[in-house]
Each structure stands twice: as C-alpha cells, then as structure tokens.
Amino acid sequence: MINTLKLSERLKKVSSFLPEGAHFADIGSDHAYLPCYVCLRDQKAKAVAGEVNIGPFNSAKSTVEAYQLSNRIDVRLGNGLEVLGDDTDIKQVVIAGMGGSLIKTILDEGKSKLSSVQRIIAQPNVDERNVRRWLLKEGFIVIDETIMEENGHRYEIIVADKKGTDELIDPYTKKQLERQLLFGPILLKNKTGIFHEKWQSEYKKLSRIINQMKEASNVDNEKIERFEKELLWIKEELQDEEQRN
C-alpha cells in the first residue's frame, strides 16, 4: 500500500523538511496526500489535515480512510490555522501550493494558534518575499530554502524555526535585508541553475512592466524607482553568477 500513493516531487521535497516523528498540520491539505505519504513512511508521525471547503475535506477523509490512517491523521474542516484549535501537540505547520500573499494572511490571522509550533514549512507559488517578511517579523528564523522545478513550474520552499527552539543563526544582514527578502537569504548563498533561470525570467518580466509603467498616462515615479532598484539587484546577481561560471 505504501507504494500506491503517488506524491509530486514538490510535496516530497516539502515532506523532507519534517523531522522524524513529526506531529504536524497540513493547511489546505486537499486530498491529504502529504499527511498520508509522511505517515505511511514514518510510523511515529501524526498529522492534522486542514481544509476550508467541504469537497476537499471529504476527499481528504476518503484518502485517510483508504490508507487506514484515521488513528494518526485527523481531518478537520476550518479556515486556515483555526483547525489547530487548542492542540499544543502540533509542532510543525505546512502551507504549500498557495500564493505568498494568501500564506501570509493565513499565518497572520492564525498567529494565536502558533504558540506551540516550532517549525513552519511554506511553499508559496509566487510572492515569496511576503512570506519571508512575515516570518522575520514574527520571530521565525529561516534555516533552509530550496528552489526546484517540476512540470515547467519553479517552486521555492522556505523552512523556518521559531527563535529560542535552538541555537539558530539569523541569515539576514541589516545592510542586505531587502535584497535577501527578495531572493532568499540561503538561496543567495547557494545559487543553482534553477535560481539563475528564475531570475533571468523575472528580469525580462520586470523590464516589461517598468516600460509599460513609463508609458502610462499617470506615471508612478516612486514605484518605478523601486522596481528599477530591484531590476539592478537582479542584474547584479545574474552577472555575479555568470562571472563564476
């Protein structure tokens, strides 16, 4: 049965950041594939699969029952982190496959539910900076990041532990903060080919946006200036990588 559950490479990578014996919540769990995948491979793991809509909630329950994991995976209906309730046993939270703005909103609205949570694993589809900024503001230290590609899409995974849970080293520097929030402090140190490809694409996209903004009837000079600064950062990172190669 363990081999019948097929998980995307993206979610497999997300699962790799959960410790052995994890007791975690998967927010927006859809069919509960991630919790089932983890619990089938780790007999000590337990999970909460959270869903806000009744359709995916029922699908998740069906998956959990099919793999006979109802004793270790609790499927709960609720909005965002409210599915954690007063459960202080949950130590990790996974939020994957949503926009960064939505992930930030979920974390912000459910902040009171995170008192016992030691690790947040976020995989935003876009706007990773928004997630990093929230984590920094709320006392979570980014301990790992990765960028990967699957089916023509690039994904970033951000792993952050709560301050005080260990001897953590803050990867951010005051001088480079905004730049690190954009690119990812750890991704900047370990640039891969996929990182390079992503920012080549973003450079072209941002260049087009700036040109369109300059031709608009109402020119937002402040926004253009901010975008041009980011464009320069991207150019510098790409040039730095090309010089290394």
C-alpha atoms as a PDB file:
ATOM      1  CA  MET A   1       0.000   0.000   0.000  1.00  0.00           C
ATOM      2  CA  ILE A   2       2.863   2.377   0.778  1.00  0.00           C
ATOM      3  CA  ASN A   3       3.875   2.460  -2.901  1.00  0.00           C
ATOM      4  CA  THR A   4       0.385   3.168  -4.237  1.00  0.00           C
ATOM      5  CA  LEU A   5       0.355   6.776  -3.059  1.00  0.00           C
ATOM      6  CA  LYS A   6       1.971   8.961  -5.693  1.00  0.00           C
ATOM      7  CA  LEU A   7       3.146  12.370  -4.488  1.00  0.00           C
ATOM      8  CA  SER A   8       4.531  15.196  -6.607  1.00  0.00           C
ATOM      9  CA  GLU A   9       8.264  15.848  -6.348  1.00  0.00           C
ATOM     10  CA  ARG A  10       7.393  19.268  -4.936  1.00  0.00           C
ATOM     11  CA  LEU A  11       5.491  17.792  -1.996  1.00  0.00           C
ATOM     12  CA  LYS A  12       8.098  15.073  -1.494  1.00  0.00           C
ATOM     13  CA  LYS A  13      10.656  17.844  -1.066  1.00  0.00           C
ATOM     14  CA  VAL A  14       8.346  19.654   1.362  1.00  0.00           C
ATOM     15  CA  SER A  15       7.979  16.434   3.379  1.00  0.00           C
ATOM     16  CA  SER A  16      11.770  16.060   3.617  1.00  0.00           C
ATOM     17  CA  PHE A  17      11.883  19.068   5.968  1.00  0.00           C
ATOM     18  CA  LEU A  18       9.652  17.370   8.547  1.00  0.00           C
ATOM     19  CA  PRO A  19      11.597  15.701  11.376  1.00  0.00           C
ATOM     20  CA  GLU A  20      11.165  12.044  12.214  1.00  0.00           C
ATOM     21  CA  GLY A  21       8.133  11.526  14.429  1.00  0.00           C
ATOM     22  CA  ALA A  22       6.642  14.850  13.306  1.00  0.00           C
ATOM     23  CA  HIS A  23       3.269  15.950  14.630  1.00  0.00           C
ATOM     24  CA  PHE A  24       2.260  18.456  12.006  1.00  0.00           C
ATOM     25  CA  ALA A  25      -0.649  20.277  10.409  1.00  0.00           C
ATOM     26  CA  ASP A  26      -1.022  20.479   6.639  1.00  0.00           C
ATOM     27  CA  ILE A  27      -3.096  23.561   5.855  1.00  0.00           C
ATOM     28  CA  GLY A  28      -5.045  23.329   2.621  1.00  0.00           C
ATOM     29  CA  SER A  29      -4.363  19.606   2.500  1.00  0.00           C
ATOM     30  CA  ASP A  30      -6.628  18.903  -0.491  1.00  0.00           C
ATOM     31  CA  HIS A  31      -6.733  15.075  -0.700  1.00  0.00           C
ATOM     32  CA  ALA A  32      -4.472  14.675   2.375  1.00  0.00           C
ATOM     33  CA  TYR A  33      -1.810  13.116   0.158  1.00  0.00           C
ATOM     34  CA  LEU A  34       1.072  14.763   2.028  1.00  0.00           C
ATOM     35  CA  PRO A  35      -0.017  13.631   5.541  1.00  0.00           C
ATOM     36  CA  CYS A  36      -0.686  10.107   4.237  1.00  0.00           C
ATOM     37  CA  TYR A  37       2.669   9.957   2.450  1.00  0.00           C
ATOM     38  CA  VAL A  38       4.516  11.015   5.613  1.00  0.00           C
ATOM     39  CA  CYS A  39       2.579   8.751   7.992  1.00  0.00           C
ATOM     40  CA  LEU A  40       2.948   5.699   5.742  1.00  0.00           C
ATOM     41  CA  ARG A  41       6.731   6.111   5.860  1.00  0.00           C
ATOM     42  CA  ASP A  42       7.094   7.191   9.476  1.00  0.00           C
ATOM     43  CA  GLN A  43       5.151   5.103  11.988  1.00  0.00           C
ATOM     44  CA  LYS A  44       5.638   7.725  14.706  1.00  0.00           C
ATOM     45  CA  ALA A  45       4.307  10.647  12.655  1.00  0.00           C
ATOM     46  CA  LYS A  46       0.876  12.183  13.282  1.00  0.00           C
ATOM     47  CA  ALA A  47      -0.922  14.864  11.315  1.00  0.00           C
ATOM     48  CA  VAL A  48      -3.866  17.186  11.041  1.00  0.00           C
ATOM     49  CA  ALA A  49      -5.176  17.700   7.510  1.00  0.00           C
ATOM     50  CA  GLY A  50      -6.951  21.047   7.372  1.00  0.00           C
ATOM     51  CA  GLU A  51      -9.440  22.066   4.687  1.00  0.00           C
ATOM     52  CA  VAL A  52     -11.730  25.074   4.392  1.00  0.00           C
ATOM     53  CA  ASN A  53     -14.090  23.629   1.749  1.00  0.00           C
ATOM     54  CA  ILE A  54     -16.370  20.632   2.209  1.00  0.00           C
ATOM     55  CA  GLY A  55     -15.439  18.966  -1.112  1.00  0.00           C
ATOM     56  CA  PRO A  56     -11.685  18.706  -0.445  1.00  0.00           C
ATOM     57  CA  PHE A  57     -12.472  17.918   3.226  1.00  0.00           C
ATOM     58  CA  ASN A  58     -14.491  14.846   2.170  1.00  0.00           C
ATOM     59  CA  SER A  59     -11.783  13.856  -0.346  1.00  0.00           C
ATOM     60  CA  ALA A  60      -9.163  14.064   2.404  1.00  0.00           C
ATOM     61  CA  LYS A  61     -11.265  11.898   4.734  1.00  0.00           C
ATOM     62  CA  SER A  62     -11.682   9.308   1.980  1.00  0.00           C
ATOM     63  CA  THR A  63      -7.923   9.174   1.329  1.00  0.00           C
ATOM     64  CA  VAL A  64      -7.091   8.817   5.025  1.00  0.00           C
ATOM     65  CA  GLU A  65      -9.669   6.031   5.438  1.00  0.00           C
ATOM     66  CA  ALA A  66      -8.416   4.258   2.291  1.00  0.00           C
ATOM     67  CA  TYR A  67      -4.898   4.076   3.745  1.00  0.00           C
ATOM     68  CA  GLN A  68      -6.239   3.095   7.201  1.00  0.00           C
ATOM     69  CA  LEU A  69      -4.627   6.107   8.855  1.00  0.00           C
ATOM     70  CA  SER A  70      -7.629   7.551  10.704  1.00  0.00           C
ATOM     71  CA  ASN A  71      -5.929   6.827  14.045  1.00  0.00           C
ATOM     72  CA  ARG A  72      -2.980   9.084  13.135  1.00  0.00           C
ATOM     73  CA  ILE A  73      -4.394  11.671  10.721  1.00  0.00           C
ATOM     74  CA  ASP A  74      -7.203  13.921  11.906  1.00  0.00           C
ATOM     75  CA  VAL A  75      -9.021  15.609   9.017  1.00  0.00           C
ATOM     76  CA  ARG A  76     -10.515  18.909  10.187  1.00  0.00           C
ATOM     77  CA  LEU A  77     -12.794  21.424   8.482  1.00  0.00           C
ATOM     78  CA  GLY A  78     -11.904  25.035   9.151  1.00  0.00           C
ATOM     79  CA  ASN A  79     -10.355  28.251   7.871  1.00  0.00           C
ATOM     80  CA  GLY A  80      -6.557  28.328   7.904  1.00  0.00           C
ATOM     81  CA  LEU A  81      -4.897  27.769  11.257  1.00  0.00           C
ATOM     82  CA  GLU A  82      -8.168  27.611  13.179  1.00  0.00           C
ATOM     83  CA  VAL A  83      -8.036  23.839  12.538  1.00  0.00           C
ATOM     84  CA  LEU A  84      -5.209  23.691  15.104  1.00  0.00           C
ATOM     85  CA  GLY A  85      -7.733  24.593  17.811  1.00  0.00           C
ATOM     86  CA  ASP A  86      -6.113  24.312  21.250  1.00  0.00           C
ATOM     87  CA  ASP A  87      -3.904  21.406  20.126  1.00  0.00           C
ATOM     88  CA  THR A  88      -0.486  22.037  21.679  1.00  0.00           C
ATOM     89  CA  ASP A  89       0.955  18.762  20.333  1.00  0.00           C
ATOM     90  CA  ILE A  90       1.295  20.161  16.814  1.00  0.00           C
ATOM     91  CA  LYS A  91       4.905  21.264  16.379  1.00  0.00           C
ATOM     92  CA  GLN A  92       5.151  21.811  12.612  1.00  0.00           C
ATOM     93  CA  VAL A  93       2.893  23.602  10.124  1.00  0.00           C
ATOM     94  CA  VAL A  94       2.992  23.064   6.361  1.00  0.00           C
ATOM     95  CA  ILE A  95       1.359  25.568   3.991  1.00  0.00           C
ATOM     96  CA  ALA A  96       2.102  24.654   0.387  1.00  0.00           C
ATOM     97  CA  GLY A  97       0.799  25.444  -3.077  1.00  0.00           C
ATOM     98  CA  MET A  98      -0.715  28.896  -2.494  1.00  0.00           C
ATOM     99  CA  GLY A  99       0.293  32.459  -3.286  1.00  0.00           C
ATOM    100  CA  GLY A 100       2.633  34.170  -0.837  1.00  0.00           C
ATOM    101  CA  SER A 101       0.035  36.814  -0.023  1.00  0.00           C
ATOM    102  CA  LEU A 102      -2.513  34.151   0.978  1.00  0.00           C
ATOM    103  CA  ILE A 103       0.058  32.247   3.051  1.00  0.00           C
ATOM    104  CA  LYS A 104       0.928  35.483   4.870  1.00  0.00           C
ATOM    105  CA  THR A 105      -2.781  36.139   5.533  1.00  0.00           C
ATOM    106  CA  ILE A 106      -3.298  32.601   6.883  1.00  0.00           C
ATOM    107  CA  LEU A 107      -0.286  32.971   9.202  1.00  0.00           C
ATOM    108  CA  ASP A 108      -1.318  36.446  10.308  1.00  0.00           C
ATOM    109  CA  GLU A 109      -4.933  35.550  11.045  1.00  0.00           C
ATOM    110  CA  GLY A 110      -3.894  32.380  12.877  1.00  0.00           C
ATOM    111  CA  LYS A 111      -0.960  33.841  14.804  1.00  0.00           C
ATOM    112  CA  SER A 112      -2.521  32.981  18.158  1.00  0.00           C
ATOM    113  CA  LYS A 113      -2.527  29.278  17.205  1.00  0.00           C
ATOM    114  CA  LEU A 114       1.261  29.146  16.688  1.00  0.00           C
ATOM    115  CA  SER A 115       2.427  29.311  20.314  1.00  0.00           C
ATOM    116  CA  SER A 116       3.488  25.626  20.368  1.00  0.00           C
ATOM    117  CA  VAL A 117       4.611  25.449  16.731  1.00  0.00           C
ATOM    118  CA  GLN A 118       8.373  25.133  16.302  1.00  0.00           C
ATOM    119  CA  ARG A 119       8.660  24.966  12.514  1.00  0.00           C
ATOM    120  CA  ILE A 120       6.832  26.451   9.546  1.00  0.00           C
ATOM    121  CA  ILE A 121       7.383  24.980   6.075  1.00  0.00           C
ATOM    122  CA  ALA A 122       5.989  27.294   3.416  1.00  0.00           C
ATOM    123  CA  GLN A 123       5.899  26.714  -0.327  1.00  0.00           C
ATOM    124  CA  PRO A 124       4.462  29.821  -1.966  1.00  0.00           C
ATOM    125  CA  ASN A 125       3.773  29.648  -5.699  1.00  0.00           C
ATOM    126  CA  VAL A 126       4.512  33.377  -6.045  1.00  0.00           C
ATOM    127  CA  ASP A 127       5.486  36.334  -3.834  1.00  0.00           C
ATOM    128  CA  GLU A 128       7.937  34.505  -1.581  1.00  0.00           C
ATOM    129  CA  ARG A 129       9.143  37.824  -0.184  1.00  0.00           C
ATOM    130  CA  ASN A 130       5.820  38.389   1.573  1.00  0.00           C
ATOM    131  CA  VAL A 131       6.225  35.103   3.443  1.00  0.00           C
ATOM    132  CA  ARG A 132       9.859  35.793   4.401  1.00  0.00           C
ATOM    133  CA  ARG A 133       8.929  39.236   5.716  1.00  0.00           C
ATOM    134  CA  TRP A 134       6.178  37.775   7.904  1.00  0.00           C
ATOM    135  CA  LEU A 135       8.443  35.050   9.297  1.00  0.00           C
ATOM    136  CA  LEU A 136      11.142  37.595  10.127  1.00  0.00           C
ATOM    137  CA  LYS A 137       8.656  39.953  11.812  1.00  0.00           C
ATOM    138  CA  GLU A 138       7.104  37.166  13.901  1.00  0.00           C
ATOM    139  CA  GLY A 139      10.340  35.660  15.214  1.00  0.00           C
ATOM    140  CA  PHE A 140      10.857  32.687  12.893  1.00  0.00           C
ATOM    141  CA  ILE A 141      14.404  32.162  11.614  1.00  0.00           C
ATOM    142  CA  VAL A 142      14.854  30.841   8.065  1.00  0.00           C
ATOM    143  CA  ILE A 143      17.033  27.748   8.458  1.00  0.00           C
ATOM    144  CA  ASP A 144      16.746  26.321   4.949  1.00  0.00           C
ATOM    145  CA  GLU A 145      15.474  27.171   1.488  1.00  0.00           C
ATOM    146  CA  THR A 146      15.377  25.346  -1.804  1.00  0.00           C
ATOM    147  CA  ILE A 147      14.266  26.122  -5.326  1.00  0.00           C
ATOM    148  CA  MET A 148      13.123  23.360  -7.668  1.00  0.00           C
ATOM    149  CA  GLU A 149      11.339  22.829 -10.971  1.00  0.00           C
ATOM    150  CA  GLU A 150       8.529  20.441 -11.786  1.00  0.00           C
ATOM    151  CA  ASN A 151       6.306  20.292 -14.872  1.00  0.00           C
ATOM    152  CA  GLY A 152       7.611  23.611 -16.147  1.00  0.00           C
ATOM    153  CA  HIS A 153       6.989  25.486 -12.882  1.00  0.00           C
ATOM    154  CA  ARG A 154       9.580  26.725 -10.397  1.00  0.00           C
ATOM    155  CA  TYR A 155       8.877  26.464  -6.689  1.00  0.00           C
ATOM    156  CA  GLU A 156      10.626  27.842  -3.619  1.00  0.00           C
ATOM    157  CA  ILE A 157      10.346  26.099  -0.254  1.00  0.00           C
ATOM    158  CA  ILE A 158      11.090  28.128   2.879  1.00  0.00           C
ATOM    159  CA  VAL A 159      11.772  26.401   6.209  1.00  0.00           C
ATOM    160  CA  ALA A 160      11.752  28.495   9.381  1.00  0.00           C
ATOM    161  CA  ASP A 161      12.136  27.609  13.071  1.00  0.00           C
ATOM    162  CA  LYS A 162      10.902  29.671  15.978  1.00  0.00           C
ATOM    163  CA  LYS A 163      13.521  31.701  17.795  1.00  0.00           C
ATOM    164  CA  GLY A 164      14.510  30.032  21.037  1.00  0.00           C
ATOM    165  CA  THR A 165      13.871  26.461  19.877  1.00  0.00           C
ATOM    166  CA  ASP A 166      17.584  26.001  19.149  1.00  0.00           C
ATOM    167  CA  GLU A 167      20.820  27.902  18.693  1.00  0.00           C
ATOM    168  CA  LEU A 168      19.729  29.455  15.422  1.00  0.00           C
ATOM    169  CA  ILE A 169      21.786  31.779  13.262  1.00  0.00           C
ATOM    170  CA  ASP A 170      19.828  34.615  11.661  1.00  0.00           C
ATOM    171  CA  PRO A 171      20.698  34.537   7.933  1.00  0.00           C
ATOM    172  CA  TYR A 172      19.726  38.156   7.357  1.00  0.00           C
ATOM    173  CA  THR A 173      22.062  41.156   7.496  1.00  0.00           C
ATOM    174  CA  LYS A 174      20.791  44.672   8.095  1.00  0.00           C
ATOM    175  CA  LYS A 175      22.643  46.094   5.094  1.00  0.00           C
ATOM    176  CA  GLN A 176      21.278  43.497   2.629  1.00  0.00           C
ATOM    177  CA  LEU A 177      17.870  42.857   4.220  1.00  0.00           C
ATOM    178  CA  GLU A 178      15.547  43.944   1.387  1.00  0.00           C
ATOM    179  CA  ARG A 179      17.661  42.160  -1.183  1.00  0.00           C
ATOM    180  CA  GLN A 180      17.725  38.966   0.916  1.00  0.00           C
ATOM    181  CA  LEU A 181      13.957  39.083   1.404  1.00  0.00           C
ATOM    182  CA  LEU A 182      13.529  39.215  -2.376  1.00  0.00           C
ATOM    183  CA  PHE A 183      15.921  36.428  -3.378  1.00  0.00           C
ATOM    184  CA  GLY A 184      16.023  34.368  -0.188  1.00  0.00           C
ATOM    185  CA  PRO A 185      18.997  34.657   2.198  1.00  0.00           C
ATOM    186  CA  ILE A 186      20.005  30.997   1.847  1.00  0.00           C
ATOM    187  CA  LEU A 187      19.207  30.743  -1.867  1.00  0.00           C
ATOM    188  CA  LEU A 188      21.586  33.672  -2.408  1.00  0.00           C
ATOM    189  CA  LYS A 189      24.400  31.696  -0.802  1.00  0.00           C
ATOM    190  CA  ASN A 190      23.665  28.514  -2.745  1.00  0.00           C
ATOM    191  CA  LYS A 191      22.686  29.671  -6.223  1.00  0.00           C
ATOM    192  CA  THR A 192      21.655  26.868  -8.549  1.00  0.00           C
ATOM    193  CA  GLY A 193      20.907  26.717 -12.249  1.00  0.00           C
ATOM    194  CA  ILE A 194      17.177  26.918 -11.486  1.00  0.00           C
ATOM    195  CA  PHE A 195      17.761  30.047  -9.372  1.00  0.00           C
ATOM    196  CA  HIS A 196      19.567  31.594 -12.340  1.00  0.00           C
ATOM    197  CA  GLU A 197      16.766  30.621 -14.751  1.00  0.00           C
ATOM    198  CA  LYS A 198      14.077  32.028 -12.490  1.00  0.00           C
ATOM    199  CA  TRP A 199      15.727  35.422 -12.144  1.00  0.00           C
ATOM    200  CA  GLN A 200      16.529  35.653 -15.851  1.00  0.00           C
ATOM    201  CA  SER A 201      12.800  35.244 -16.447  1.00  0.00           C
ATOM    202  CA  GLU A 202      11.928  37.731 -13.686  1.00  0.00           C
ATOM    203  CA  TYR A 203      14.385  40.262 -15.126  1.00  0.00           C
ATOM    204  CA  LYS A 204      12.612  40.206 -18.509  1.00  0.00           C
ATOM    205  CA  LYS A 205       9.192  40.387 -16.866  1.00  0.00           C
ATOM    206  CA  LEU A 206      10.126  43.313 -14.623  1.00  0.00           C
ATOM    207  CA  SER A 207      11.752  45.179 -17.536  1.00  0.00           C
ATOM    208  CA  ARG A 208       8.484  44.943 -19.493  1.00  0.00           C
ATOM    209  CA  ILE A 209       6.463  46.161 -16.506  1.00  0.00           C
ATOM    210  CA  ILE A 210       8.731  49.172 -15.988  1.00  0.00           C
ATOM    211  CA  ASN A 211       8.492  50.138 -19.678  1.00  0.00           C
ATOM    212  CA  GLN A 212       4.693  49.864 -19.569  1.00  0.00           C
ATOM    213  CA  MET A 213       4.547  51.982 -16.403  1.00  0.00           C
ATOM    214  CA  LYS A 214       6.659  54.704 -18.015  1.00  0.00           C
ATOM    215  CA  GLU A 215       4.230  54.882 -20.929  1.00  0.00           C
ATOM    216  CA  ALA A 216       1.129  55.105 -18.709  1.00  0.00           C
ATOM    217  CA  SER A 217      -0.916  58.310 -18.562  1.00  0.00           C
ATOM    218  CA  ASN A 218      -0.322  58.550 -14.799  1.00  0.00           C
ATOM    219  CA  VAL A 219       3.313  57.744 -14.081  1.00  0.00           C
ATOM    220  CA  ASP A 220       4.055  56.381 -10.592  1.00  0.00           C
ATOM    221  CA  ASN A 221       7.679  57.500 -10.289  1.00  0.00           C
ATOM    222  CA  GLU A 222       8.088  56.137  -6.757  1.00  0.00           C
ATOM    223  CA  LYS A 223       7.029  52.642  -7.823  1.00  0.00           C
ATOM    224  CA  ILE A 224       9.177  52.804 -10.959  1.00  0.00           C
ATOM    225  CA  GLU A 225      12.186  53.785  -8.859  1.00  0.00           C
ATOM    226  CA  ARG A 226      11.602  50.830  -6.525  1.00  0.00           C
ATOM    227  CA  PHE A 227      11.245  48.414  -9.428  1.00  0.00           C
ATOM    228  CA  GLU A 228      14.362  49.774 -11.122  1.00  0.00           C
ATOM    229  CA  LYS A 229      16.329  49.188  -7.921  1.00  0.00           C
ATOM    230  CA  GLU A 230      15.124  45.572  -7.865  1.00  0.00           C
ATOM    231  CA  LEU A 231      15.978  45.222 -11.549  1.00  0.00           C
ATOM    232  CA  LEU A 232      19.528  46.333 -10.749  1.00  0.00           C
ATOM    233  CA  TRP A 233      19.751  43.770  -7.930  1.00  0.00           C
ATOM    234  CA  ILE A 234      18.648  41.011 -10.314  1.00  0.00           C
ATOM    235  CA  LYS A 235      21.158  42.127 -12.919  1.00  0.00           C
ATOM    236  CA  GLU A 236      23.962  42.112 -10.350  1.00  0.00           C
ATOM    237  CA  GLU A 237      23.084  38.603  -9.130  1.00  0.00           C
ATOM    238  CA  LEU A 238      22.921  37.268 -12.687  1.00  0.00           C
ATOM    239  CA  GLN A 239      26.239  38.890 -13.611  1.00  0.00           C
ATOM    240  CA  ASP A 240      27.846  37.547 -10.455  1.00  0.00           C
ATOM    241  CA  GLU A 241      26.723  34.036 -11.352  1.00  0.00           C
ATOM    242  CA  GLU A 242      27.931  34.374 -14.959  1.00  0.00           C
ATOM    243  CA  GLN A 243      31.355  35.559 -13.769  1.00  0.00           C
ATOM    244  CA  ARG A 244      31.648  32.497 -11.504  1.00  0.00           C
ATOM    245  CA  ASN A 245      30.951  30.236 -14.446  1.00  0.00           C
END
